[in-house]
Each structure stands twice: as structure tokens, then as C-alpha cells.
N, C-alpha and C. Protein backbone atom coordinates (compact mmCIF):
# COMPACT_ATOMS: atom_id res chain seq x y z
N MET A 1 0.94 -1.12 0.02
CA MET A 1 0.09 0.00 0.26
C MET A 1 0.97 1.23 0.12
N LEU A 2 0.20 2.31 -0.73
CA LEU A 2 1.32 3.65 -1.01
C LEU A 2 0.20 4.63 -0.76
N ARG A 3 0.84 5.61 -0.16
CA ARG A 3 0.10 6.92 0.37
C ARG A 3 1.00 8.03 -0.38
N ILE A 4 0.68 9.03 -1.11
CA ILE A 4 1.40 9.89 -1.74
C ILE A 4 0.54 11.30 -1.23
N SER A 5 1.36 12.14 -0.61
CA SER A 5 0.71 13.19 -0.11
C SER A 5 1.33 14.61 -0.95
N GLU A 6 0.60 15.60 -1.16
CA GLU A 6 1.39 17.13 -1.27
C GLU A 6 1.45 17.59 -0.19
N VAL A 7 2.99 17.52 0.51
CA VAL A 7 3.15 18.35 1.77
C VAL A 7 3.00 20.13 1.59
N GLY A 8 3.36 20.51 0.37
CA GLY A 8 3.21 21.94 0.12
C GLY A 8 4.46 22.73 -0.72
N VAL A 9 4.35 24.03 -0.76
CA VAL A 9 5.44 24.44 -1.69
C VAL A 9 6.07 25.39 -0.90
N SER A 10 7.38 25.54 -0.93
CA SER A 10 8.17 26.37 -0.20
C SER A 10 9.33 26.90 -1.06
N ASN A 11 9.81 28.18 -1.33
CA ASN A 11 10.82 28.77 -2.09
C ASN A 11 10.52 27.99 -3.34
N GLY A 12 9.59 28.11 -4.07
CA GLY A 12 9.56 27.48 -5.31
C GLY A 12 9.50 26.26 -5.60
N THR A 13 9.74 25.28 -4.43
CA THR A 13 9.80 24.01 -4.55
C THR A 13 8.71 23.03 -4.09
N LYS A 14 8.47 22.28 -4.84
CA LYS A 14 6.82 21.49 -4.44
C LYS A 14 7.56 20.12 -3.82
N THR A 15 6.96 19.82 -2.72
CA THR A 15 7.29 18.52 -1.78
C THR A 15 6.14 17.36 -1.67
N LEU A 16 6.51 16.32 -2.29
CA LEU A 16 5.68 15.04 -2.01
C LEU A 16 6.10 14.28 -0.93
N ARG A 17 5.43 13.85 -0.17
CA ARG A 17 5.83 12.57 0.61
C ARG A 17 5.25 10.99 0.42
N LEU A 18 6.18 10.14 0.31
CA LEU A 18 5.90 8.93 0.15
C LEU A 18 5.58 7.81 1.46
N GLU A 19 4.44 7.21 1.49
CA GLU A 19 4.34 6.58 2.65
C GLU A 19 4.17 5.16 2.29
N GLY A 20 4.78 4.04 2.91
CA GLY A 20 4.30 2.61 2.37
C GLY A 20 5.29 2.14 1.72
N GLU A 21 4.82 1.50 0.68
CA GLU A 21 5.80 0.79 -0.40
C GLU A 21 5.39 1.08 -1.78
N VAL A 22 6.68 0.97 -2.47
CA VAL A 22 6.38 1.43 -3.71
C VAL A 22 7.10 0.12 -4.64
N ILE A 23 5.85 -0.81 -4.88
CA ILE A 23 6.00 -1.84 -5.39
C ILE A 23 4.98 -1.80 -6.65
N GLY A 24 5.24 -2.81 -7.54
CA GLY A 24 4.14 -3.15 -8.31
C GLY A 24 3.29 -1.92 -9.30
N THR A 25 2.33 -1.87 -8.94
CA THR A 25 1.46 -0.77 -9.85
C THR A 25 1.56 0.51 -8.84
N ALA A 26 2.17 0.45 -7.96
CA ALA A 26 2.42 1.75 -7.27
C ALA A 26 3.33 2.43 -7.64
N VAL A 27 4.66 1.83 -8.30
CA VAL A 27 5.55 2.59 -9.27
C VAL A 27 5.13 3.65 -10.19
N LEU A 28 3.95 3.13 -10.93
CA LEU A 28 3.49 3.70 -11.93
C LEU A 28 2.65 4.87 -11.10
N GLU A 29 2.04 4.71 -10.14
CA GLU A 29 1.23 5.73 -9.37
C GLU A 29 2.15 6.92 -8.68
N VAL A 30 3.16 6.41 -8.27
CA VAL A 30 4.45 7.55 -8.05
C VAL A 30 4.86 8.14 -9.24
N SER A 31 5.00 7.69 -10.37
CA SER A 31 5.66 8.23 -11.81
C SER A 31 4.55 9.20 -12.16
N GLN A 32 3.23 8.98 -11.94
CA GLN A 32 2.08 9.78 -12.54
C GLN A 32 2.35 10.84 -11.53
N ALA A 33 2.12 10.82 -10.12
CA ALA A 33 2.30 11.92 -9.21
C ALA A 33 3.62 12.96 -9.51
N VAL A 34 4.65 12.29 -9.59
CA VAL A 34 5.78 13.14 -9.99
C VAL A 34 5.46 13.85 -11.25
N GLU A 35 5.12 13.33 -12.41
CA GLU A 35 4.93 13.94 -13.63
C GLU A 35 3.93 15.09 -13.47
N THR A 36 2.88 15.05 -12.96
CA THR A 36 1.98 16.18 -12.49
C THR A 36 2.56 17.06 -11.85
N ALA A 37 3.30 16.54 -10.60
CA ALA A 37 4.38 17.76 -10.26
C ALA A 37 5.07 18.57 -10.73
N LEU A 38 5.75 17.88 -11.77
CA LEU A 38 6.66 18.59 -12.50
C LEU A 38 6.31 19.46 -13.65
N ARG A 39 5.07 19.29 -13.79
CA ARG A 39 4.27 20.04 -14.88
C ARG A 39 3.82 21.18 -14.58
N SER A 40 4.28 21.50 -13.36
CA SER A 40 3.44 22.83 -12.63
C SER A 40 4.95 23.78 -12.88
N GLY A 41 6.14 23.36 -13.45
CA GLY A 41 7.26 23.98 -13.39
C GLY A 41 8.00 24.33 -12.54
N GLN A 42 7.55 23.67 -11.28
CA GLN A 42 8.50 24.00 -9.95
C GLN A 42 9.23 22.93 -9.57
N ALA A 43 10.39 23.15 -8.99
CA ALA A 43 11.33 21.98 -8.48
C ALA A 43 10.62 20.96 -7.66
N LEU A 44 10.94 20.11 -7.49
CA LEU A 44 10.30 18.76 -6.79
C LEU A 44 11.60 18.10 -6.02
N THR A 45 10.81 18.31 -4.55
CA THR A 45 11.51 17.46 -3.57
C THR A 45 10.55 16.04 -3.10
N ILE A 46 10.87 15.24 -2.91
CA ILE A 46 10.11 13.82 -2.25
C ILE A 46 10.98 13.38 -1.15
N ASP A 47 9.78 13.56 -0.11
CA ASP A 47 10.09 13.05 1.32
C ASP A 47 9.86 11.71 1.67
N LEU A 48 10.92 10.73 1.89
CA LEU A 48 11.02 9.55 1.80
C LEU A 48 11.13 8.78 3.31
N ALA A 49 10.92 9.66 4.32
CA ALA A 49 11.04 9.21 5.44
C ALA A 49 10.17 8.12 6.02
N GLU A 50 8.68 8.02 5.30
CA GLU A 50 7.78 7.06 5.66
C GLU A 50 7.93 5.91 4.74
N LEU A 51 8.72 5.75 4.08
CA LEU A 51 9.10 4.81 3.01
C LEU A 51 9.61 3.56 3.52
N LEU A 52 8.66 2.40 3.47
CA LEU A 52 9.31 1.05 3.97
C LEU A 52 10.10 0.28 3.11
N PHE A 53 9.68 0.16 1.71
CA PHE A 53 10.20 -0.43 0.75
C PHE A 53 10.01 -0.19 -0.60
N VAL A 54 10.86 -0.26 -1.36
CA VAL A 54 10.98 -0.05 -3.02
C VAL A 54 11.42 -1.32 -3.87
N ASP A 55 10.94 -1.66 -4.80
CA ASP A 55 11.41 -2.73 -5.53
C ASP A 55 12.26 -2.26 -6.52
N ARG A 56 12.76 -3.12 -7.45
CA ARG A 56 13.90 -2.85 -8.36
C ARG A 56 12.96 -1.88 -9.50
N GLU A 57 11.99 -2.00 -9.60
CA GLU A 57 11.17 -0.85 -11.03
C GLU A 57 11.35 0.37 -10.12
N GLY A 58 11.13 0.56 -8.67
CA GLY A 58 10.96 1.68 -7.93
C GLY A 58 12.51 2.36 -7.97
N VAL A 59 13.31 1.54 -7.65
CA VAL A 59 14.65 1.95 -7.64
C VAL A 59 14.80 2.49 -9.07
N ASN A 60 14.34 1.62 -9.93
CA ASN A 60 15.15 2.56 -11.37
C ASN A 60 14.39 3.61 -11.62
N LEU A 61 13.18 3.91 -11.11
CA LEU A 61 12.40 5.38 -11.49
C LEU A 61 12.87 6.13 -10.48
N PHE A 62 13.21 6.04 -9.24
CA PHE A 62 14.00 7.08 -8.40
C PHE A 62 15.37 7.49 -9.04
N ARG A 63 16.10 6.47 -9.47
CA ARG A 63 17.24 6.67 -9.98
C ARG A 63 17.17 7.98 -11.38
N ASP A 64 15.70 7.65 -12.36
CA ASP A 64 15.62 8.75 -13.23
C ASP A 64 15.07 9.60 -12.86
N LEU A 65 14.40 9.89 -11.54
CA LEU A 65 14.07 11.17 -11.26
C LEU A 65 15.08 11.79 -10.83
N ALA A 66 16.08 11.24 -10.18
CA ALA A 66 17.04 11.94 -9.44
C ALA A 66 18.14 12.75 -10.86
N ARG A 67 18.18 12.00 -11.77
CA ARG A 67 18.74 12.39 -13.03
C ARG A 67 18.21 13.61 -13.45
N ARG A 68 16.66 13.81 -13.22
CA ARG A 68 15.81 14.68 -13.82
C ARG A 68 15.89 16.11 -12.86
N GLN A 69 16.73 15.76 -11.60
CA GLN A 69 16.86 16.89 -10.51
C GLN A 69 15.78 16.99 -9.51
N VAL A 70 15.13 15.75 -9.53
CA VAL A 70 14.05 15.48 -8.46
C VAL A 70 15.30 15.33 -7.25
N VAL A 71 14.81 16.06 -5.90
CA VAL A 71 15.53 15.79 -4.76
C VAL A 71 14.90 14.67 -3.98
N PHE A 72 15.67 13.88 -3.26
CA PHE A 72 14.94 13.09 -2.33
C PHE A 72 15.82 13.43 -0.79
N VAL A 73 14.72 13.73 0.04
CA VAL A 73 15.14 13.80 1.50
C VAL A 73 14.61 12.72 2.60
N ASN A 74 15.44 12.41 3.73
CA ASN A 74 14.96 11.35 4.59
C ASN A 74 15.05 10.12 3.73
N CYS A 75 16.16 9.95 3.18
CA CYS A 75 16.28 8.79 2.66
C CYS A 75 16.72 7.92 3.56
N SER A 76 16.57 6.37 3.45
CA SER A 76 16.95 5.55 3.98
C SER A 76 18.39 4.87 4.03
N PRO A 77 19.07 4.42 4.46
CA PRO A 77 20.53 4.11 4.16
C PRO A 77 20.36 3.17 3.11
N PHE A 78 19.45 2.16 3.22
CA PHE A 78 19.55 1.19 2.33
C PHE A 78 18.96 1.72 0.90
N LEU A 79 18.18 2.59 0.79
CA LEU A 79 17.68 3.16 -0.48
C LEU A 79 18.79 3.94 -1.16
N ASN A 80 19.63 4.58 0.21
CA ASN A 80 20.35 5.27 -0.64
C ASN A 80 21.60 4.84 -1.09
N GLU A 81 21.82 3.87 -0.63
CA GLU A 81 22.68 2.68 -1.30
C GLU A 81 22.35 2.36 -2.68
N GLN A 82 21.11 2.21 -2.93
CA GLN A 82 20.62 1.72 -4.08
C GLN A 82 20.56 2.87 -5.13
N LEU A 83 20.41 4.09 -4.67
CA LEU A 83 20.58 4.96 -5.88
C LEU A 83 21.81 5.65 -5.73
N LYS A 84 22.77 5.21 -5.02
CA LYS A 84 24.21 5.76 -5.10
C LYS A 84 24.38 6.06 -6.73
N GLY A 85 25.01 7.11 -6.84
CA GLY A 85 25.43 7.43 -8.39
C GLY A 85 24.76 8.47 -9.15
N ALA A 86 23.28 8.54 -8.52
CA ALA A 86 22.38 9.40 -9.33
C ALA A 86 22.55 10.69 -8.50
N PRO A 87 22.50 11.83 -9.36
CA PRO A 87 22.69 13.27 -8.89
C PRO A 87 21.46 13.22 -8.08
N ASN A 88 21.82 14.09 -6.57
CA ASN A 88 20.77 14.56 -5.93
C ASN A 88 19.95 13.38 -5.21
N SER A 89 20.61 11.88 -5.10
CA SER A 89 20.18 11.07 -4.49
C SER A 89 20.34 11.10 -3.07
N GLY A 90 19.56 10.75 -2.11
CA GLY A 90 19.66 10.56 -0.83
C GLY A 90 19.88 11.64 -0.02
N GLU A 91 19.88 12.65 -0.46
CA GLU A 91 20.07 14.18 0.08
C GLU A 91 19.77 14.44 1.45
N GLN A 92 20.33 14.36 2.73
CA GLN A 92 19.36 14.62 3.70
C GLN A 92 19.20 16.07 4.10
N ARG A 93 17.90 16.43 4.46
CA ARG A 93 18.03 18.00 5.06
C ARG A 93 17.23 17.78 6.30
């Protein structure tokens, strides 16, 4: 189960919070929510503090998003390792 919430906008950056698991069809849900957020023209940050698990497809999506300048905050050490090498991955704030 996955919950995607828009936390708000601050200094021109929109923040989404992911809670639960990014697996199976939830990967598509995240992709769609991110694309909608990016169409607003604002920078995007994704808060992963409440994320429990990400499958391989989800990791690939996050890597692609990092290359597109999406910033991740509160990333677990495990996911941070998975995203290593992608710009803006696992950044802590």
C-alpha cells in the first residue's frame, strides 16, 4: 500500500511525501504523481521518511527522477545505497 501526499510548496519547490511501499502498480502511481508535479514548473522534492520498501522498478524510477533533478530527503541508508551514483540521491535535509 502506498500513500502519496503533497506536503506543500516552499521557495518555489513542491514537496511530495511517500508513505508505505513502492512496489508493482505503485511505481506507476508515483511516476504519474511526479509527472503531474513537475508539469507545474516547480522544482520537486520527495520526502521518503515513511517509505518502507521499494522494489527494483521503483529504484529504477527513483534513479531516473534523480537524473531529472528531483531531490530526495530523509532517504533510508538502504535506499541511499541503491540510488548511489544518481545526482541528488538520498540528500539529507
